[in-house]
Amino acid sequence: MPPSNLARLPIDYANTPAALTLCGVDALALPTDEALMLAWAGGDLRAFEALYGRHRSRLYSFLLRQLRDGALADEMFQDVWQRVIAARAGWQPEAAFTTWLFRIAHNRLNDHWRAARHRPSAPIDADERVAAIADARTPETQLSDFEQRRQLQLAMEQLPPEQREVLQLRLEQELSLEEIAEITGVGRETVKSRLRYAMDKLRAGLSG
């Protein structure tokens, strides 16, 4: 779960009648992220609460999967939202709010890796864990749902960080190739290449 001090914020604003007419949005539709962001920049705190409620779980999950450290993910989650708060006055709807938010997270992760001169490494007990998975895949036994998810997680942990990131943004966040390119600062073809290599490695790891 995301850090509790932000999680306590009310998040039902997006379903209130006032929100439905925010910035001229039709009463039959929920306000867009961009409309909420503009309203919040104009001083409407409830608009921020709605934005936070919509995106906190996706953002926290993304950070936690990248960092694999709950305490560090909590810290970075807070930092990303602090940067969103600090930048709200000058924000312009030049890109989707989701793209902008994950671009901040991407840049913050890059800052972290550069500062720590660290790249995620395989778990110390990786061989034992892989062996356990192999044993579970004998003809006499079918993997449970939990074991299948764990196997996929282990395979993803072996991917290079840049491949794991684009795979998460594509599969878990359901972002387009263009959005991922904007977030990561690379070309669309590079994103496609990283996705292809990541999927090939996942297939090889899962089949092995």
N, C-alpha and C. Protein backbone atom coordinates (compact mmCIF):
# COMPACT_ATOMS: atom_id res chain seq x y z
N MET A 1 0.83 -1.20 0.00
CA MET A 1 0.00 0.00 0.00
C MET A 1 0.86 1.25 0.00
N PRO A 2 0.39 2.32 -0.64
CA PRO A 2 1.13 3.57 -0.60
C PRO A 2 1.22 4.10 0.82
N PRO A 3 2.13 5.03 1.10
CA PRO A 3 2.30 5.59 2.44
C PRO A 3 0.99 6.12 2.99
N SER A 4 0.79 5.89 4.30
CA SER A 4 -0.52 6.15 4.90
C SER A 4 -0.86 7.63 5.01
N ASN A 5 0.11 8.53 5.16
CA ASN A 5 -0.23 9.93 5.35
C ASN A 5 -0.87 10.54 4.11
N LEU A 6 -0.52 10.04 2.93
CA LEU A 6 -1.21 10.47 1.73
C LEU A 6 -2.45 9.63 1.48
N ALA A 7 -2.39 8.37 1.87
CA ALA A 7 -3.52 7.48 1.59
C ALA A 7 -4.76 7.88 2.36
N ARG A 8 -4.62 8.67 3.43
CA ARG A 8 -5.77 9.08 4.21
C ARG A 8 -6.57 10.17 3.51
N LEU A 9 -6.04 10.76 2.45
CA LEU A 9 -6.78 11.80 1.75
C LEU A 9 -8.08 11.25 1.20
N PRO A 10 -9.21 12.01 1.27
CA PRO A 10 -10.44 11.53 0.65
C PRO A 10 -10.27 11.43 -0.85
N ILE A 11 -10.87 10.39 -1.44
CA ILE A 11 -10.65 10.16 -2.87
C ILE A 11 -11.96 10.03 -3.63
N ASP A 12 -13.09 10.46 -3.02
CA ASP A 12 -14.37 10.29 -3.69
C ASP A 12 -14.81 11.50 -4.48
N TYR A 13 -13.93 12.50 -4.60
CA TYR A 13 -14.30 13.72 -5.30
C TYR A 13 -14.66 13.46 -6.75
N ALA A 14 -14.00 12.49 -7.38
CA ALA A 14 -14.25 12.23 -8.80
C ALA A 14 -15.67 11.76 -9.06
N ASN A 15 -16.40 11.35 -8.02
CA ASN A 15 -17.75 10.87 -8.22
C ASN A 15 -18.81 11.84 -7.69
N THR A 16 -18.42 13.03 -7.28
CA THR A 16 -19.37 13.98 -6.75
C THR A 16 -19.96 14.82 -7.87
N PRO A 17 -21.18 15.35 -7.69
CA PRO A 17 -21.78 16.20 -8.73
C PRO A 17 -20.92 17.39 -9.08
N ALA A 18 -20.26 17.99 -8.08
CA ALA A 18 -19.43 19.15 -8.37
C ALA A 18 -18.30 18.79 -9.32
N ALA A 19 -17.73 17.59 -9.11
CA ALA A 19 -16.62 17.18 -9.97
C ALA A 19 -17.08 16.94 -11.39
N LEU A 20 -18.32 16.50 -11.55
CA LEU A 20 -18.80 16.15 -12.87
C LEU A 20 -18.97 17.36 -13.78
N THR A 21 -19.06 18.55 -13.18
CA THR A 21 -19.21 19.75 -13.98
C THR A 21 -17.95 20.61 -13.95
N LEU A 22 -16.86 20.05 -13.39
CA LEU A 22 -15.61 20.78 -13.24
C LEU A 22 -15.09 21.23 -14.60
N CYS A 23 -14.72 22.50 -14.70
CA CYS A 23 -14.13 23.07 -15.91
C CYS A 23 -15.00 22.82 -17.15
N GLY A 24 -16.31 22.80 -16.96
CA GLY A 24 -17.20 22.67 -18.10
C GLY A 24 -17.37 21.26 -18.60
N VAL A 25 -16.85 20.24 -17.88
CA VAL A 25 -17.01 18.86 -18.31
C VAL A 25 -18.47 18.47 -18.19
N ASP A 26 -18.98 17.73 -19.16
CA ASP A 26 -20.37 17.32 -19.17
C ASP A 26 -20.71 16.56 -17.90
N ALA A 27 -21.89 16.79 -17.36
CA ALA A 27 -22.29 16.20 -16.08
C ALA A 27 -22.40 14.69 -16.16
N LEU A 28 -22.49 14.13 -17.36
CA LEU A 28 -22.61 12.68 -17.49
C LEU A 28 -21.25 12.00 -17.52
N ALA A 29 -20.17 12.77 -17.55
CA ALA A 29 -18.84 12.18 -17.64
C ALA A 29 -17.98 12.66 -16.48
N LEU A 30 -17.06 11.81 -16.07
CA LEU A 30 -16.10 12.21 -15.04
C LEU A 30 -15.10 13.19 -15.64
N PRO A 31 -14.57 14.10 -14.83
CA PRO A 31 -13.57 15.03 -15.35
C PRO A 31 -12.29 14.28 -15.73
N THR A 32 -11.62 14.75 -16.75
CA THR A 32 -10.35 14.16 -17.15
C THR A 32 -9.28 14.52 -16.14
N ASP A 33 -8.17 13.79 -16.20
CA ASP A 33 -7.03 14.12 -15.34
C ASP A 33 -6.57 15.55 -15.60
N GLU A 34 -6.57 15.93 -16.88
CA GLU A 34 -6.09 17.26 -17.25
C GLU A 34 -7.00 18.35 -16.68
N ALA A 35 -8.32 18.11 -16.71
CA ALA A 35 -9.25 19.08 -16.14
C ALA A 35 -9.05 19.19 -14.63
N LEU A 36 -8.82 18.06 -13.98
CA LEU A 36 -8.57 18.07 -12.54
C LEU A 36 -7.27 18.80 -12.22
N MET A 37 -6.25 18.58 -13.02
CA MET A 37 -4.97 19.23 -12.78
C MET A 37 -5.09 20.74 -12.92
N LEU A 38 -5.81 21.20 -13.92
CA LEU A 38 -6.01 22.63 -14.10
C LEU A 38 -6.81 23.21 -12.94
N ALA A 39 -7.81 22.47 -12.49
CA ALA A 39 -8.60 22.94 -11.36
C ALA A 39 -7.76 23.03 -10.09
N TRP A 40 -6.91 22.02 -9.89
CA TRP A 40 -6.04 22.03 -8.72
C TRP A 40 -5.04 23.19 -8.79
N ALA A 41 -4.49 23.43 -9.98
CA ALA A 41 -3.57 24.56 -10.14
C ALA A 41 -4.27 25.87 -9.82
N GLY A 42 -5.60 25.89 -10.01
CA GLY A 42 -6.37 27.08 -9.68
C GLY A 42 -6.79 27.16 -8.22
N GLY A 43 -6.39 26.19 -7.42
CA GLY A 43 -6.65 26.26 -5.99
C GLY A 43 -7.66 25.26 -5.46
N ASP A 44 -8.15 24.34 -6.27
CA ASP A 44 -9.15 23.38 -5.83
C ASP A 44 -8.47 22.14 -5.27
N LEU A 45 -8.39 22.03 -3.95
CA LEU A 45 -7.70 20.92 -3.31
C LEU A 45 -8.39 19.59 -3.60
N ARG A 46 -9.71 19.61 -3.72
CA ARG A 46 -10.42 18.36 -3.98
C ARG A 46 -10.02 17.75 -5.33
N ALA A 47 -9.63 18.60 -6.27
CA ALA A 47 -9.18 18.09 -7.56
C ALA A 47 -7.89 17.28 -7.39
N PHE A 48 -6.99 17.76 -6.53
CA PHE A 48 -5.77 16.99 -6.24
C PHE A 48 -6.12 15.66 -5.58
N GLU A 49 -7.05 15.69 -4.65
CA GLU A 49 -7.45 14.46 -3.96
C GLU A 49 -7.97 13.43 -4.97
N ALA A 50 -8.70 13.90 -5.98
CA ALA A 50 -9.21 12.99 -7.01
C ALA A 50 -8.07 12.43 -7.85
N LEU A 51 -7.14 13.29 -8.24
CA LEU A 51 -5.98 12.83 -9.02
C LEU A 51 -5.17 11.80 -8.24
N TYR A 52 -4.93 12.10 -6.99
CA TYR A 52 -4.16 11.20 -6.15
C TYR A 52 -4.87 9.85 -6.02
N GLY A 53 -6.18 9.91 -5.82
CA GLY A 53 -6.94 8.67 -5.69
C GLY A 53 -6.91 7.82 -6.94
N ARG A 54 -6.87 8.45 -8.09
CA ARG A 54 -6.84 7.71 -9.34
C ARG A 54 -5.50 7.04 -9.61
N HIS A 55 -4.42 7.68 -9.21
CA HIS A 55 -3.09 7.25 -9.68
C HIS A 55 -2.17 6.69 -8.61
N ARG A 56 -2.55 6.75 -7.35
CA ARG A 56 -1.61 6.36 -6.30
C ARG A 56 -1.22 4.89 -6.38
N SER A 57 -2.19 4.00 -6.62
CA SER A 57 -1.87 2.58 -6.64
C SER A 57 -0.98 2.21 -7.81
N ARG A 58 -1.29 2.76 -8.98
CA ARG A 58 -0.49 2.47 -10.18
C ARG A 58 0.95 2.96 -9.99
N LEU A 59 1.09 4.16 -9.48
CA LEU A 59 2.43 4.73 -9.31
C LEU A 59 3.21 3.95 -8.27
N TYR A 60 2.59 3.64 -7.14
CA TYR A 60 3.30 2.93 -6.08
C TYR A 60 3.72 1.54 -6.55
N SER A 61 2.83 0.85 -7.26
CA SER A 61 3.16 -0.48 -7.78
C SER A 61 4.35 -0.41 -8.73
N PHE A 62 4.36 0.60 -9.59
CA PHE A 62 5.47 0.78 -10.53
C PHE A 62 6.78 0.99 -9.79
N LEU A 63 6.79 1.86 -8.80
CA LEU A 63 8.02 2.15 -8.05
C LEU A 63 8.48 0.92 -7.26
N LEU A 64 7.53 0.22 -6.65
CA LEU A 64 7.89 -0.93 -5.84
C LEU A 64 8.50 -2.03 -6.70
N ARG A 65 7.94 -2.25 -7.89
CA ARG A 65 8.48 -3.27 -8.77
C ARG A 65 9.86 -2.88 -9.29
N GLN A 66 10.10 -1.59 -9.49
CA GLN A 66 11.41 -1.15 -9.95
C GLN A 66 12.47 -1.25 -8.85
N LEU A 67 12.10 -0.85 -7.64
CA LEU A 67 13.07 -0.75 -6.55
C LEU A 67 13.19 -2.02 -5.72
N ARG A 68 12.09 -2.78 -5.62
CA ARG A 68 12.06 -4.01 -4.83
C ARG A 68 12.48 -3.77 -3.38
N ASP A 69 12.08 -2.63 -2.86
CA ASP A 69 12.39 -2.25 -1.49
C ASP A 69 11.24 -1.36 -1.01
N GLY A 70 10.44 -1.87 -0.07
CA GLY A 70 9.25 -1.16 0.37
C GLY A 70 9.54 0.22 0.94
N ALA A 71 10.54 0.30 1.81
CA ALA A 71 10.85 1.58 2.44
C ALA A 71 11.33 2.60 1.40
N LEU A 72 12.15 2.15 0.47
CA LEU A 72 12.64 3.05 -0.57
C LEU A 72 11.52 3.46 -1.51
N ALA A 73 10.62 2.53 -1.82
CA ALA A 73 9.47 2.85 -2.67
C ALA A 73 8.57 3.88 -1.98
N ASP A 74 8.37 3.72 -0.67
CA ASP A 74 7.57 4.70 0.08
C ASP A 74 8.18 6.10 -0.04
N GLU A 75 9.50 6.15 0.16
CA GLU A 75 10.21 7.44 0.11
C GLU A 75 10.10 8.08 -1.26
N MET A 76 10.31 7.28 -2.31
CA MET A 76 10.27 7.83 -3.65
C MET A 76 8.84 8.20 -4.06
N PHE A 77 7.86 7.42 -3.61
CA PHE A 77 6.46 7.72 -3.86
C PHE A 77 6.12 9.11 -3.32
N GLN A 78 6.53 9.38 -2.08
CA GLN A 78 6.31 10.69 -1.49
C GLN A 78 7.01 11.78 -2.29
N ASP A 79 8.23 11.49 -2.71
CA ASP A 79 9.03 12.48 -3.43
C ASP A 79 8.40 12.83 -4.77
N VAL A 80 7.89 11.83 -5.48
CA VAL A 80 7.25 12.09 -6.77
C VAL A 80 6.05 13.00 -6.59
N TRP A 81 5.21 12.71 -5.59
CA TRP A 81 4.04 13.56 -5.38
C TRP A 81 4.43 14.96 -4.91
N GLN A 82 5.51 15.06 -4.15
CA GLN A 82 5.98 16.39 -3.78
C GLN A 82 6.41 17.19 -5.02
N ARG A 83 7.01 16.52 -5.98
CA ARG A 83 7.41 17.19 -7.22
C ARG A 83 6.19 17.58 -8.04
N VAL A 84 5.18 16.73 -8.03
CA VAL A 84 3.93 17.09 -8.70
C VAL A 84 3.33 18.34 -8.07
N ILE A 85 3.31 18.38 -6.75
CA ILE A 85 2.76 19.53 -6.04
C ILE A 85 3.56 20.79 -6.36
N ALA A 86 4.88 20.67 -6.36
CA ALA A 86 5.73 21.84 -6.61
C ALA A 86 5.57 22.36 -8.03
N ALA A 87 5.24 21.48 -8.97
CA ALA A 87 5.18 21.88 -10.39
C ALA A 87 3.79 22.28 -10.86
N ARG A 88 2.79 22.20 -9.98
CA ARG A 88 1.42 22.37 -10.46
C ARG A 88 1.14 23.75 -11.03
N ALA A 89 1.75 24.79 -10.46
CA ALA A 89 1.45 26.15 -10.90
C ALA A 89 1.82 26.38 -12.36
N GLY A 90 2.91 25.75 -12.81
CA GLY A 90 3.36 25.96 -14.18
C GLY A 90 2.95 24.86 -15.14
N TRP A 91 2.12 23.93 -14.68
CA TRP A 91 1.75 22.80 -15.53
C TRP A 91 0.84 23.23 -16.67
N GLN A 92 1.11 22.70 -17.84
CA GLN A 92 0.26 22.93 -19.02
C GLN A 92 -0.08 21.58 -19.63
N PRO A 93 -1.31 21.43 -20.15
CA PRO A 93 -1.73 20.13 -20.70
C PRO A 93 -1.10 19.82 -22.05
N GLU A 94 0.23 19.82 -22.11
CA GLU A 94 0.93 19.51 -23.36
C GLU A 94 1.06 18.00 -23.56
N ALA A 95 0.91 17.25 -22.49
CA ALA A 95 0.93 15.79 -22.55
C ALA A 95 -0.11 15.28 -21.55
N ALA A 96 -0.50 14.02 -21.70
CA ALA A 96 -1.45 13.43 -20.76
C ALA A 96 -0.85 13.47 -19.35
N PHE A 97 -1.71 13.67 -18.35
CA PHE A 97 -1.24 13.74 -16.98
C PHE A 97 -0.50 12.46 -16.60
N THR A 98 -1.01 11.30 -17.02
CA THR A 98 -0.35 10.04 -16.70
C THR A 98 1.07 10.00 -17.25
N THR A 99 1.23 10.45 -18.49
CA THR A 99 2.57 10.49 -19.09
C THR A 99 3.49 11.39 -18.29
N TRP A 100 3.00 12.55 -17.91
CA TRP A 100 3.80 13.51 -17.14
C TRP A 100 4.17 12.93 -15.78
N LEU A 101 3.20 12.29 -15.11
CA LEU A 101 3.45 11.72 -13.79
C LEU A 101 4.52 10.63 -13.84
N PHE A 102 4.40 9.73 -14.81
CA PHE A 102 5.37 8.64 -14.89
C PHE A 102 6.72 9.12 -15.43
N ARG A 103 6.72 10.23 -16.15
CA ARG A 103 7.99 10.83 -16.55
C ARG A 103 8.74 11.33 -15.31
N ILE A 104 8.03 11.93 -14.38
CA ILE A 104 8.65 12.36 -13.13
C ILE A 104 9.21 11.16 -12.38
N ALA A 105 8.42 10.08 -12.31
CA ALA A 105 8.88 8.88 -11.62
C ALA A 105 10.11 8.29 -12.31
N HIS A 106 10.09 8.25 -13.64
CA HIS A 106 11.23 7.73 -14.41
C HIS A 106 12.49 8.54 -14.12
N ASN A 107 12.37 9.86 -14.15
CA ASN A 107 13.53 10.71 -13.89
C ASN A 107 14.04 10.54 -12.46
N ARG A 108 13.10 10.39 -11.52
CA ARG A 108 13.50 10.20 -10.12
C ARG A 108 14.23 8.88 -9.95
N LEU A 109 13.78 7.84 -10.63
CA LEU A 109 14.47 6.56 -10.57
C LEU A 109 15.88 6.67 -11.17
N ASN A 110 15.99 7.38 -12.29
CA ASN A 110 17.32 7.57 -12.89
C ASN A 110 18.25 8.31 -11.94
N ASP A 111 17.73 9.33 -11.26
CA ASP A 111 18.54 10.06 -10.27
C ASP A 111 19.03 9.10 -9.19
N HIS A 112 18.14 8.24 -8.75
CA HIS A 112 18.49 7.29 -7.69
C HIS A 112 19.59 6.33 -8.14
N TRP A 113 19.43 5.75 -9.35
CA TRP A 113 20.43 4.81 -9.82
C TRP A 113 21.79 5.48 -10.01
N ARG A 114 21.76 6.70 -10.53
CA ARG A 114 23.04 7.40 -10.74
C ARG A 114 23.70 7.72 -9.41
N ALA A 115 22.91 8.20 -8.46
CA ALA A 115 23.48 8.59 -7.16
C ALA A 115 24.05 7.38 -6.42
N ALA A 116 23.35 6.26 -6.50
CA ALA A 116 23.79 5.08 -5.77
C ALA A 116 24.75 4.21 -6.57
N ARG A 117 24.90 4.54 -7.88
CA ARG A 117 25.71 3.71 -8.77
C ARG A 117 25.32 2.25 -8.62
N HIS A 118 24.03 2.07 -8.68
CA HIS A 118 23.47 0.75 -8.38
C HIS A 118 22.55 0.31 -9.50
N ARG A 119 22.58 -0.96 -9.80
CA ARG A 119 21.62 -1.57 -10.68
C ARG A 119 21.06 -2.81 -9.99
N PRO A 120 19.78 -3.07 -10.14
CA PRO A 120 19.22 -4.26 -9.47
C PRO A 120 19.96 -5.52 -9.89
N SER A 121 20.28 -6.34 -8.90
CA SER A 121 20.98 -7.59 -9.17
C SER A 121 20.08 -8.77 -8.83
N ALA A 122 20.48 -9.91 -9.27
CA ALA A 122 19.70 -11.12 -8.99
C ALA A 122 19.72 -11.40 -7.49
N PRO A 123 18.65 -11.96 -6.94
CA PRO A 123 18.63 -12.32 -5.52
C PRO A 123 19.75 -13.29 -5.19
N ILE A 124 20.26 -13.24 -3.96
CA ILE A 124 21.35 -14.12 -3.54
C ILE A 124 20.95 -15.59 -3.67
N ASP A 125 19.68 -15.86 -3.37
CA ASP A 125 19.21 -17.25 -3.43
C ASP A 125 18.52 -17.57 -4.74
N ALA A 126 18.92 -16.88 -5.82
CA ALA A 126 18.23 -17.06 -7.11
C ALA A 126 18.29 -18.51 -7.58
N ASP A 127 19.47 -19.16 -7.44
CA ASP A 127 19.59 -20.53 -7.93
C ASP A 127 18.62 -21.46 -7.21
N GLU A 128 18.54 -21.30 -5.88
CA GLU A 128 17.64 -22.15 -5.12
C GLU A 128 16.19 -21.91 -5.50
N ARG A 129 15.84 -20.62 -5.71
CA ARG A 129 14.47 -20.29 -6.05
C ARG A 129 14.11 -20.82 -7.44
N VAL A 130 15.03 -20.70 -8.38
CA VAL A 130 14.78 -21.22 -9.71
C VAL A 130 14.66 -22.75 -9.66
N ALA A 131 15.51 -23.38 -8.87
CA ALA A 131 15.45 -24.83 -8.75
C ALA A 131 14.10 -25.28 -8.17
N ALA A 132 13.62 -24.52 -7.20
CA ALA A 132 12.32 -24.86 -6.60
C ALA A 132 11.20 -24.75 -7.61
N ILE A 133 11.29 -23.73 -8.46
CA ILE A 133 10.28 -23.56 -9.50
C ILE A 133 10.36 -24.72 -10.49
N ALA A 134 11.58 -25.10 -10.86
CA ALA A 134 11.74 -26.21 -11.80
C ALA A 134 11.13 -27.49 -11.24
N ASP A 135 11.34 -27.74 -9.95
CA ASP A 135 10.77 -28.93 -9.33
C ASP A 135 9.26 -28.92 -9.39
N ALA A 136 8.68 -27.72 -9.25
CA ALA A 136 7.22 -27.61 -9.23
C ALA A 136 6.61 -27.86 -10.59
N ARG A 137 7.42 -27.83 -11.65
CA ARG A 137 6.90 -27.98 -13.00
C ARG A 137 7.07 -29.40 -13.53
N THR A 138 7.22 -30.36 -12.67
CA THR A 138 7.30 -31.74 -13.11
C THR A 138 5.94 -32.18 -13.65
N PRO A 139 5.90 -33.22 -14.47
CA PRO A 139 4.63 -33.67 -15.04
C PRO A 139 3.60 -34.04 -13.98
N GLU A 140 4.07 -34.42 -12.80
CA GLU A 140 3.15 -34.85 -11.76
C GLU A 140 2.46 -33.69 -11.05
N THR A 141 2.96 -32.49 -11.26
CA THR A 141 2.44 -31.34 -10.50
C THR A 141 2.18 -30.16 -11.42
N GLN A 142 1.08 -29.51 -11.21
CA GLN A 142 0.79 -28.27 -11.93
C GLN A 142 1.07 -27.10 -11.00
N LEU A 143 1.60 -26.02 -11.61
CA LEU A 143 1.89 -24.83 -10.81
C LEU A 143 0.59 -24.18 -10.36
N SER A 144 0.57 -23.75 -9.12
CA SER A 144 -0.57 -22.98 -8.64
C SER A 144 -0.48 -21.57 -9.21
N ASP A 145 -1.57 -20.80 -9.08
CA ASP A 145 -1.55 -19.42 -9.55
C ASP A 145 -0.42 -18.64 -8.89
N PHE A 146 -0.23 -18.88 -7.59
CA PHE A 146 0.83 -18.16 -6.89
C PHE A 146 2.19 -18.51 -7.46
N GLU A 147 2.44 -19.77 -7.73
CA GLU A 147 3.73 -20.18 -8.26
C GLU A 147 3.97 -19.61 -9.65
N GLN A 148 2.91 -19.53 -10.45
CA GLN A 148 3.05 -18.95 -11.78
C GLN A 148 3.42 -17.48 -11.69
N ARG A 149 2.75 -16.76 -10.80
CA ARG A 149 3.08 -15.34 -10.63
C ARG A 149 4.50 -15.17 -10.12
N ARG A 150 4.91 -16.03 -9.21
CA ARG A 150 6.26 -15.94 -8.67
C ARG A 150 7.30 -16.24 -9.74
N GLN A 151 7.01 -17.20 -10.59
CA GLN A 151 7.93 -17.53 -11.67
C GLN A 151 8.09 -16.35 -12.61
N LEU A 152 6.97 -15.70 -12.93
CA LEU A 152 7.03 -14.54 -13.80
C LEU A 152 7.82 -13.41 -13.14
N GLN A 153 7.61 -13.22 -11.83
CA GLN A 153 8.33 -12.17 -11.12
C GLN A 153 9.84 -12.43 -11.15
N LEU A 154 10.23 -13.68 -10.94
CA LEU A 154 11.65 -14.02 -10.97
C LEU A 154 12.25 -13.75 -12.35
N ALA A 155 11.48 -14.10 -13.39
CA ALA A 155 11.97 -13.87 -14.75
C ALA A 155 12.11 -12.38 -15.02
N MET A 156 11.18 -11.57 -14.55
CA MET A 156 11.25 -10.13 -14.77
C MET A 156 12.42 -9.52 -14.03
N GLU A 157 12.75 -10.07 -12.86
CA GLU A 157 13.85 -9.53 -12.08
C GLU A 157 15.20 -9.71 -12.79
N GLN A 158 15.26 -10.65 -13.71
CA GLN A 158 16.51 -10.88 -14.42
C GLN A 158 16.68 -9.96 -15.63
N LEU A 159 15.63 -9.22 -15.98
CA LEU A 159 15.73 -8.32 -17.13
C LEU A 159 16.57 -7.10 -16.80
N PRO A 160 17.27 -6.53 -17.77
CA PRO A 160 17.94 -5.24 -17.56
C PRO A 160 16.91 -4.19 -17.16
N PRO A 161 17.28 -3.21 -16.34
CA PRO A 161 16.31 -2.23 -15.83
C PRO A 161 15.50 -1.53 -16.92
N GLU A 162 16.15 -1.15 -18.03
CA GLU A 162 15.44 -0.41 -19.05
C GLU A 162 14.40 -1.29 -19.76
N GLN A 163 14.68 -2.59 -19.87
CA GLN A 163 13.71 -3.49 -20.48
C GLN A 163 12.56 -3.78 -19.51
N ARG A 164 12.88 -3.96 -18.24
CA ARG A 164 11.83 -4.21 -17.25
C ARG A 164 10.89 -3.00 -17.13
N GLU A 165 11.46 -1.81 -17.23
CA GLU A 165 10.64 -0.60 -17.10
C GLU A 165 9.64 -0.48 -18.23
N VAL A 166 10.08 -0.63 -19.47
CA VAL A 166 9.14 -0.49 -20.59
C VAL A 166 8.11 -1.61 -20.58
N LEU A 167 8.50 -2.80 -20.13
CA LEU A 167 7.55 -3.90 -20.05
C LEU A 167 6.47 -3.61 -19.02
N GLN A 168 6.86 -3.06 -17.87
CA GLN A 168 5.88 -2.69 -16.86
C GLN A 168 4.94 -1.60 -17.36
N LEU A 169 5.49 -0.58 -17.98
CA LEU A 169 4.68 0.52 -18.47
C LEU A 169 3.69 0.05 -19.53
N ARG A 170 4.11 -0.93 -20.32
CA ARG A 170 3.23 -1.44 -21.38
C ARG A 170 2.17 -2.39 -20.84
N LEU A 171 2.59 -3.39 -20.07
CA LEU A 171 1.68 -4.44 -19.63
C LEU A 171 0.88 -4.06 -18.39
N GLU A 172 1.52 -3.43 -17.42
CA GLU A 172 0.84 -3.13 -16.16
C GLU A 172 0.12 -1.79 -16.20
N GLN A 173 0.75 -0.78 -16.80
CA GLN A 173 0.13 0.54 -16.86
C GLN A 173 -0.67 0.75 -18.14
N GLU A 174 -0.54 -0.17 -19.10
CA GLU A 174 -1.29 -0.14 -20.36
C GLU A 174 -1.08 1.17 -21.13
N LEU A 175 0.17 1.65 -21.14
CA LEU A 175 0.49 2.86 -21.87
C LEU A 175 0.87 2.52 -23.30
N SER A 176 0.68 3.48 -24.20
CA SER A 176 1.03 3.28 -25.60
C SER A 176 2.54 3.38 -25.78
N LEU A 177 3.02 2.92 -26.94
CA LEU A 177 4.45 3.03 -27.23
C LEU A 177 4.89 4.48 -27.24
N GLU A 178 4.02 5.35 -27.77
CA GLU A 178 4.36 6.78 -27.82
C GLU A 178 4.46 7.37 -26.41
N GLU A 179 3.55 6.98 -25.53
CA GLU A 179 3.61 7.47 -24.15
C GLU A 179 4.85 6.96 -23.43
N ILE A 180 5.18 5.70 -23.65
CA ILE A 180 6.38 5.14 -23.01
C ILE A 180 7.63 5.84 -23.53
N ALA A 181 7.65 6.13 -24.84
CA ALA A 181 8.79 6.84 -25.40
C ALA A 181 8.95 8.21 -24.77
N GLU A 182 7.83 8.90 -24.56
CA GLU A 182 7.90 10.23 -23.95
C GLU A 182 8.35 10.15 -22.50
N ILE A 183 7.89 9.13 -21.78
CA ILE A 183 8.26 8.95 -20.38
C ILE A 183 9.75 8.64 -20.24
N THR A 184 10.23 7.73 -21.07
CA THR A 184 11.61 7.25 -20.92
C THR A 184 12.63 8.08 -21.68
N GLY A 185 12.15 8.96 -22.57
CA GLY A 185 13.07 9.83 -23.29
C GLY A 185 13.82 9.16 -24.41
N VAL A 186 13.27 8.07 -24.94
CA VAL A 186 13.89 7.39 -26.08
C VAL A 186 12.89 7.33 -27.22
N GLY A 187 13.35 6.94 -28.41
CA GLY A 187 12.46 6.87 -29.55
C GLY A 187 11.50 5.70 -29.49
N ARG A 188 10.44 5.80 -30.28
CA ARG A 188 9.42 4.75 -30.31
C ARG A 188 10.02 3.42 -30.75
N GLU A 189 10.92 3.44 -31.72
CA GLU A 189 11.54 2.21 -32.19
C GLU A 189 12.41 1.57 -31.11
N THR A 190 13.05 2.42 -30.28
CA THR A 190 13.84 1.89 -29.17
C THR A 190 12.94 1.20 -28.17
N VAL A 191 11.78 1.82 -27.90
CA VAL A 191 10.81 1.20 -27.00
C VAL A 191 10.38 -0.16 -27.54
N LYS A 192 10.06 -0.22 -28.84
CA LYS A 192 9.65 -1.48 -29.46
C LYS A 192 10.75 -2.53 -29.33
N SER A 193 11.99 -2.11 -29.54
CA SER A 193 13.11 -3.03 -29.46
C SER A 193 13.28 -3.57 -28.04
N ARG A 194 13.18 -2.68 -27.05
CA ARG A 194 13.32 -3.11 -25.65
C ARG A 194 12.19 -4.06 -25.27
N LEU A 195 10.98 -3.77 -25.74
CA LEU A 195 9.86 -4.66 -25.46
C LEU A 195 10.08 -6.03 -26.09
N ARG A 196 10.56 -6.04 -27.32
CA ARG A 196 10.78 -7.31 -28.01
C ARG A 196 11.83 -8.15 -27.30
N TYR A 197 12.95 -7.51 -26.92
CA TYR A 197 14.00 -8.24 -26.21
C TYR A 197 13.49 -8.73 -24.86
N ALA A 198 12.72 -7.90 -24.17
CA ALA A 198 12.19 -8.28 -22.86
C ALA A 198 11.27 -9.49 -22.98
N MET A 199 10.37 -9.45 -23.96
CA MET A 199 9.45 -10.57 -24.14
C MET A 199 10.18 -11.84 -24.53
N ASP A 200 11.20 -11.72 -25.38
CA ASP A 200 11.98 -12.89 -25.77
C ASP A 200 12.66 -13.52 -24.55
N LYS A 201 13.22 -12.67 -23.70
CA LYS A 201 13.90 -13.18 -22.50
C LYS A 201 12.91 -13.79 -21.52
N LEU A 202 11.73 -13.19 -21.40
CA LEU A 202 10.72 -13.76 -20.52
C LEU A 202 10.29 -15.13 -21.02
N ARG A 203 10.04 -15.24 -22.31
CA ARG A 203 9.62 -16.53 -22.87
C ARG A 203 10.70 -17.58 -22.64
N ALA A 204 11.95 -17.19 -22.87
CA ALA A 204 13.06 -18.13 -22.67
C ALA A 204 13.16 -18.54 -21.21
N GLY A 205 13.01 -17.56 -20.32
CA GLY A 205 13.11 -17.88 -18.89
C GLY A 205 11.97 -18.75 -18.40
N LEU A 206 10.75 -18.49 -18.87
CA LEU A 206 9.60 -19.26 -18.43
C LEU A 206 9.59 -20.66 -19.04
N SER A 207 10.05 -20.77 -20.28
CA SER A 207 10.07 -22.08 -20.90
C SER A 207 11.19 -22.96 -20.36
N GLY A 208 12.25 -22.26 -19.83
CA GLY A 208 13.38 -23.01 -19.30
C GLY A 208 13.13 -23.47 -17.90
